[in-house]
């Protein structure tokens, strides 16, 4: 897991906890993010228990997480690295 994926996992888990959405902890332990650099772009696959989509649609977890300053700064750093790598 790289820095960007680890941060996204952390932020998702924190937001779920902050919103009081923890019941058994199964959803929290299932949070996984995979990073794929495809053709000069960044693709993040977020894998979580299937019922997350219902909670996310009601509580805007991913929207809130990806709107944070911490996330946006980390994403900008990753994009800068990708550009440097691509341009040599």
N, C-alpha and C. Protein backbone atom coordinates (compact mmCIF):
# COMPACT_ATOMS: atom_id res chain seq x y z
N UNK A 1 0.86 -1.17 0.00
CA UNK A 1 0.00 0.00 0.00
C UNK A 1 0.90 1.23 0.00
N UNK A 2 0.65 2.13 -0.92
CA UNK A 2 1.46 3.34 -0.94
C UNK A 2 0.85 4.41 -0.05
N UNK A 3 1.50 5.56 0.00
CA UNK A 3 1.08 6.65 0.87
C UNK A 3 -0.34 7.14 0.55
N UNK A 4 -0.65 7.26 -0.73
CA UNK A 4 -1.96 7.77 -1.14
C UNK A 4 -3.08 6.80 -0.77
N UNK A 5 -2.90 5.53 -1.05
CA UNK A 5 -3.94 4.56 -0.73
C UNK A 5 -4.11 4.41 0.78
N UNK A 6 -2.98 4.43 1.52
CA UNK A 6 -3.05 4.34 2.98
C UNK A 6 -3.82 5.53 3.56
N UNK A 7 -3.59 6.71 3.00
CA UNK A 7 -4.29 7.90 3.48
C UNK A 7 -5.79 7.79 3.20
N UNK A 8 -6.15 7.33 2.01
CA UNK A 8 -7.57 7.22 1.68
C UNK A 8 -8.26 6.22 2.60
N UNK A 9 -7.63 5.10 2.87
CA UNK A 9 -8.19 4.11 3.80
C UNK A 9 -8.39 4.75 5.17
N UNK A 10 -7.38 5.46 5.65
CA UNK A 10 -7.45 6.12 6.96
C UNK A 10 -8.59 7.14 7.01
N UNK A 11 -8.70 7.97 5.98
CA UNK A 11 -9.73 9.00 5.97
C UNK A 11 -11.14 8.41 5.89
N UNK A 12 -11.30 7.35 5.12
CA UNK A 12 -12.61 6.69 5.02
C UNK A 12 -13.00 6.12 6.38
N UNK A 13 -12.07 5.41 7.02
CA UNK A 13 -12.35 4.83 8.33
C UNK A 13 -12.67 5.90 9.37
N UNK A 14 -11.91 6.99 9.36
CA UNK A 14 -12.17 8.08 10.30
C UNK A 14 -13.56 8.69 10.09
N UNK A 15 -13.95 8.87 8.83
CA UNK A 15 -15.24 9.47 8.54
C UNK A 15 -16.39 8.55 8.96
N UNK A 16 -16.23 7.26 8.72
CA UNK A 16 -17.24 6.29 9.14
C UNK A 16 -17.41 6.34 10.66
N UNK A 17 -16.29 6.38 11.37
CA UNK A 17 -16.35 6.44 12.84
C UNK A 17 -16.97 7.75 13.31
N UNK A 18 -16.52 8.87 12.70
CA UNK A 18 -17.01 10.20 13.10
C UNK A 18 -18.52 10.31 12.93
N UNK A 19 -19.05 9.65 11.91
CA UNK A 19 -20.49 9.72 11.64
C UNK A 19 -21.29 8.67 12.42
N UNK A 20 -20.58 7.90 13.25
CA UNK A 20 -21.26 6.92 14.10
C UNK A 20 -21.85 5.75 13.34
N UNK A 21 -21.19 5.33 12.27
CA UNK A 21 -21.73 4.28 11.41
C UNK A 21 -21.12 2.90 11.67
N UNK A 22 -20.41 2.75 12.79
CA UNK A 22 -19.78 1.47 13.12
C UNK A 22 -20.75 0.63 13.93
N UNK A 23 -20.98 -0.58 13.45
CA UNK A 23 -21.83 -1.52 14.19
C UNK A 23 -20.96 -2.68 14.65
N UNK A 24 -20.67 -3.60 13.75
CA UNK A 24 -19.84 -4.75 14.11
C UNK A 24 -18.36 -4.51 13.82
N UNK A 25 -18.04 -3.54 13.02
CA UNK A 25 -16.66 -3.28 12.61
C UNK A 25 -16.28 -4.00 11.33
N UNK A 26 -17.20 -4.80 10.80
CA UNK A 26 -16.91 -5.56 9.58
C UNK A 26 -16.61 -4.64 8.40
N UNK A 27 -17.38 -3.57 8.26
CA UNK A 27 -17.15 -2.64 7.16
C UNK A 27 -15.79 -1.96 7.32
N UNK A 28 -15.45 -1.54 8.53
CA UNK A 28 -14.16 -0.88 8.76
C UNK A 28 -13.00 -1.79 8.38
N UNK A 29 -13.08 -3.04 8.77
CA UNK A 29 -11.97 -3.96 8.48
C UNK A 29 -11.91 -4.35 7.01
N UNK A 30 -12.97 -4.07 6.26
CA UNK A 30 -12.98 -4.45 4.85
C UNK A 30 -12.46 -3.35 3.91
N UNK A 31 -12.22 -2.15 4.44
CA UNK A 31 -11.81 -1.03 3.59
C UNK A 31 -10.44 -1.32 2.96
N UNK A 32 -10.41 -1.25 1.63
CA UNK A 32 -9.17 -1.49 0.88
C UNK A 32 -9.18 -0.55 -0.33
N UNK A 33 -8.02 0.00 -0.63
CA UNK A 33 -7.89 0.87 -1.80
C UNK A 33 -6.70 0.38 -2.61
N UNK A 34 -6.91 0.27 -3.91
CA UNK A 34 -5.85 -0.15 -4.84
C UNK A 34 -5.57 1.00 -5.80
N UNK A 35 -4.30 1.23 -6.02
CA UNK A 35 -3.86 2.29 -6.93
C UNK A 35 -3.34 1.66 -8.20
N UNK A 36 -3.83 2.14 -9.33
CA UNK A 36 -3.36 1.69 -10.63
C UNK A 36 -2.98 2.91 -11.45
N UNK A 37 -1.75 2.95 -11.91
CA UNK A 37 -1.33 4.02 -12.81
C UNK A 37 -1.48 3.48 -14.22
N UNK A 38 -2.50 3.93 -14.90
CA UNK A 38 -2.79 3.44 -16.25
C UNK A 38 -2.63 4.57 -17.25
N UNK A 39 -1.74 4.39 -18.20
CA UNK A 39 -1.58 5.36 -19.29
C UNK A 39 -1.50 6.80 -18.80
N UNK A 40 -0.69 7.02 -17.79
CA UNK A 40 -0.50 8.38 -17.31
C UNK A 40 -1.64 8.92 -16.49
N UNK A 41 -2.50 8.07 -15.98
CA UNK A 41 -3.58 8.54 -15.12
C UNK A 41 -3.58 7.72 -13.83
N UNK A 42 -4.23 8.26 -12.83
CA UNK A 42 -4.32 7.58 -11.53
C UNK A 42 -5.73 7.03 -11.37
N UNK A 43 -5.82 5.74 -11.13
CA UNK A 43 -7.11 5.10 -10.91
C UNK A 43 -7.08 4.48 -9.52
N UNK A 44 -8.05 4.85 -8.70
CA UNK A 44 -8.16 4.30 -7.36
C UNK A 44 -9.40 3.43 -7.29
N UNK A 45 -9.20 2.18 -6.93
CA UNK A 45 -10.31 1.26 -6.73
C UNK A 45 -10.56 1.15 -5.23
N UNK A 46 -11.75 1.54 -4.80
CA UNK A 46 -12.12 1.47 -3.38
C UNK A 46 -12.99 0.23 -3.20
N UNK A 47 -12.51 -0.69 -2.37
CA UNK A 47 -13.22 -1.94 -2.13
C UNK A 47 -13.67 -1.98 -0.67
N UNK A 48 -14.98 -2.07 -0.48
CA UNK A 48 -15.57 -2.08 0.86
C UNK A 48 -16.80 -2.99 0.82
N UNK A 49 -17.21 -3.46 1.97
CA UNK A 49 -18.43 -4.27 2.05
C UNK A 49 -19.53 -3.67 1.18
N UNK A 50 -20.32 -4.52 0.57
CA UNK A 50 -21.31 -4.05 -0.41
C UNK A 50 -22.35 -3.08 0.15
N UNK A 51 -22.65 -3.13 1.43
CA UNK A 51 -23.64 -2.22 1.99
C UNK A 51 -23.09 -0.80 2.17
N UNK A 52 -21.79 -0.61 1.96
CA UNK A 52 -21.21 0.73 2.04
C UNK A 52 -21.88 1.68 1.07
N UNK A 53 -22.24 1.18 -0.11
CA UNK A 53 -22.84 2.07 -1.11
C UNK A 53 -24.13 2.72 -0.60
N UNK A 54 -24.87 2.01 0.23
CA UNK A 54 -26.10 2.58 0.78
C UNK A 54 -25.79 3.64 1.84
N UNK A 55 -24.79 3.35 2.66
CA UNK A 55 -24.39 4.34 3.67
C UNK A 55 -23.77 5.56 3.00
N UNK A 56 -22.96 5.32 1.97
CA UNK A 56 -22.32 6.44 1.27
C UNK A 56 -23.36 7.33 0.60
N UNK A 57 -24.38 6.73 0.02
CA UNK A 57 -25.40 7.54 -0.65
C UNK A 57 -26.17 8.40 0.35
N UNK A 58 -26.26 7.95 1.57
CA UNK A 58 -26.98 8.71 2.60
C UNK A 58 -26.09 9.70 3.37
N UNK A 59 -24.83 9.30 3.61
CA UNK A 59 -23.95 10.09 4.47
C UNK A 59 -22.79 10.76 3.73
N UNK A 60 -22.70 10.57 2.41
CA UNK A 60 -21.69 11.24 1.58
C UNK A 60 -20.26 11.03 2.08
N UNK A 61 -19.93 9.82 2.45
CA UNK A 61 -18.62 9.52 3.02
C UNK A 61 -17.50 9.84 2.02
N UNK A 62 -17.58 9.29 0.82
CA UNK A 62 -16.51 9.52 -0.15
C UNK A 62 -16.41 10.98 -0.58
N UNK A 63 -17.55 11.63 -0.74
CA UNK A 63 -17.53 13.06 -1.09
C UNK A 63 -16.85 13.88 0.00
N UNK A 64 -17.19 13.60 1.24
CA UNK A 64 -16.60 14.34 2.35
C UNK A 64 -15.11 14.08 2.46
N UNK A 65 -14.70 12.83 2.32
CA UNK A 65 -13.28 12.47 2.42
C UNK A 65 -12.47 13.12 1.29
N UNK A 66 -12.99 13.05 0.09
CA UNK A 66 -12.22 13.59 -1.05
C UNK A 66 -12.30 15.10 -1.15
N UNK A 67 -13.05 15.72 -0.27
CA UNK A 67 -13.12 17.18 -0.21
C UNK A 67 -12.16 17.76 0.82
N UNK A 68 -11.50 16.90 1.60
CA UNK A 68 -10.62 17.40 2.65
C UNK A 68 -9.33 17.95 2.06
N UNK A 69 -8.77 18.89 2.77
CA UNK A 69 -7.49 19.48 2.36
C UNK A 69 -6.39 18.42 2.37
N UNK A 70 -6.39 17.58 3.39
CA UNK A 70 -5.38 16.53 3.51
C UNK A 70 -5.37 15.62 2.27
N UNK A 71 -6.56 15.22 1.82
CA UNK A 71 -6.66 14.35 0.65
C UNK A 71 -6.19 15.08 -0.61
N UNK A 72 -6.65 16.30 -0.79
CA UNK A 72 -6.31 17.04 -2.01
C UNK A 72 -4.82 17.32 -2.11
N UNK A 73 -4.16 17.61 -0.99
CA UNK A 73 -2.71 17.83 -1.01
C UNK A 73 -1.97 16.54 -1.36
N UNK A 74 -2.41 15.42 -0.80
CA UNK A 74 -1.77 14.13 -1.09
C UNK A 74 -1.98 13.75 -2.56
N UNK A 75 -3.15 14.01 -3.08
CA UNK A 75 -3.44 13.70 -4.48
C UNK A 75 -2.60 14.57 -5.41
N UNK A 76 -2.45 15.85 -5.08
CA UNK A 76 -1.61 16.74 -5.87
C UNK A 76 -0.16 16.24 -5.89
N UNK A 77 0.34 15.78 -4.75
CA UNK A 77 1.70 15.23 -4.69
C UNK A 77 1.84 14.01 -5.59
N UNK A 78 0.84 13.14 -5.56
CA UNK A 78 0.89 11.92 -6.39
C UNK A 78 0.85 12.26 -7.87
N UNK A 79 0.04 13.24 -8.24
CA UNK A 79 -0.03 13.67 -9.64
C UNK A 79 1.30 14.27 -10.07
N UNK A 80 1.91 15.06 -9.21
CA UNK A 80 3.21 15.65 -9.53
C UNK A 80 4.26 14.56 -9.76
N UNK A 81 4.26 13.53 -8.94
CA UNK A 81 5.19 12.39 -9.11
C UNK A 81 4.93 11.70 -10.44
N UNK A 82 3.68 11.52 -10.77
CA UNK A 82 3.32 10.85 -12.02
C UNK A 82 3.80 11.68 -13.22
N UNK A 83 3.64 12.99 -13.15
CA UNK A 83 4.10 13.86 -14.23
C UNK A 83 5.62 13.79 -14.36
N UNK A 84 6.33 13.85 -13.24
CA UNK A 84 7.80 13.76 -13.27
C UNK A 84 8.24 12.44 -13.88
N UNK A 85 7.59 11.37 -13.48
CA UNK A 85 7.93 10.03 -13.99
C UNK A 85 7.67 9.95 -15.49
N UNK A 86 6.55 10.51 -15.92
CA UNK A 86 6.16 10.45 -17.34
C UNK A 86 7.10 11.28 -18.20
N UNK A 87 7.45 12.47 -17.71
CA UNK A 87 8.30 13.36 -18.49
C UNK A 87 9.80 13.03 -18.38
N UNK A 88 10.13 12.26 -17.34
CA UNK A 88 11.52 11.85 -17.19
C UNK A 88 12.28 12.90 -16.50
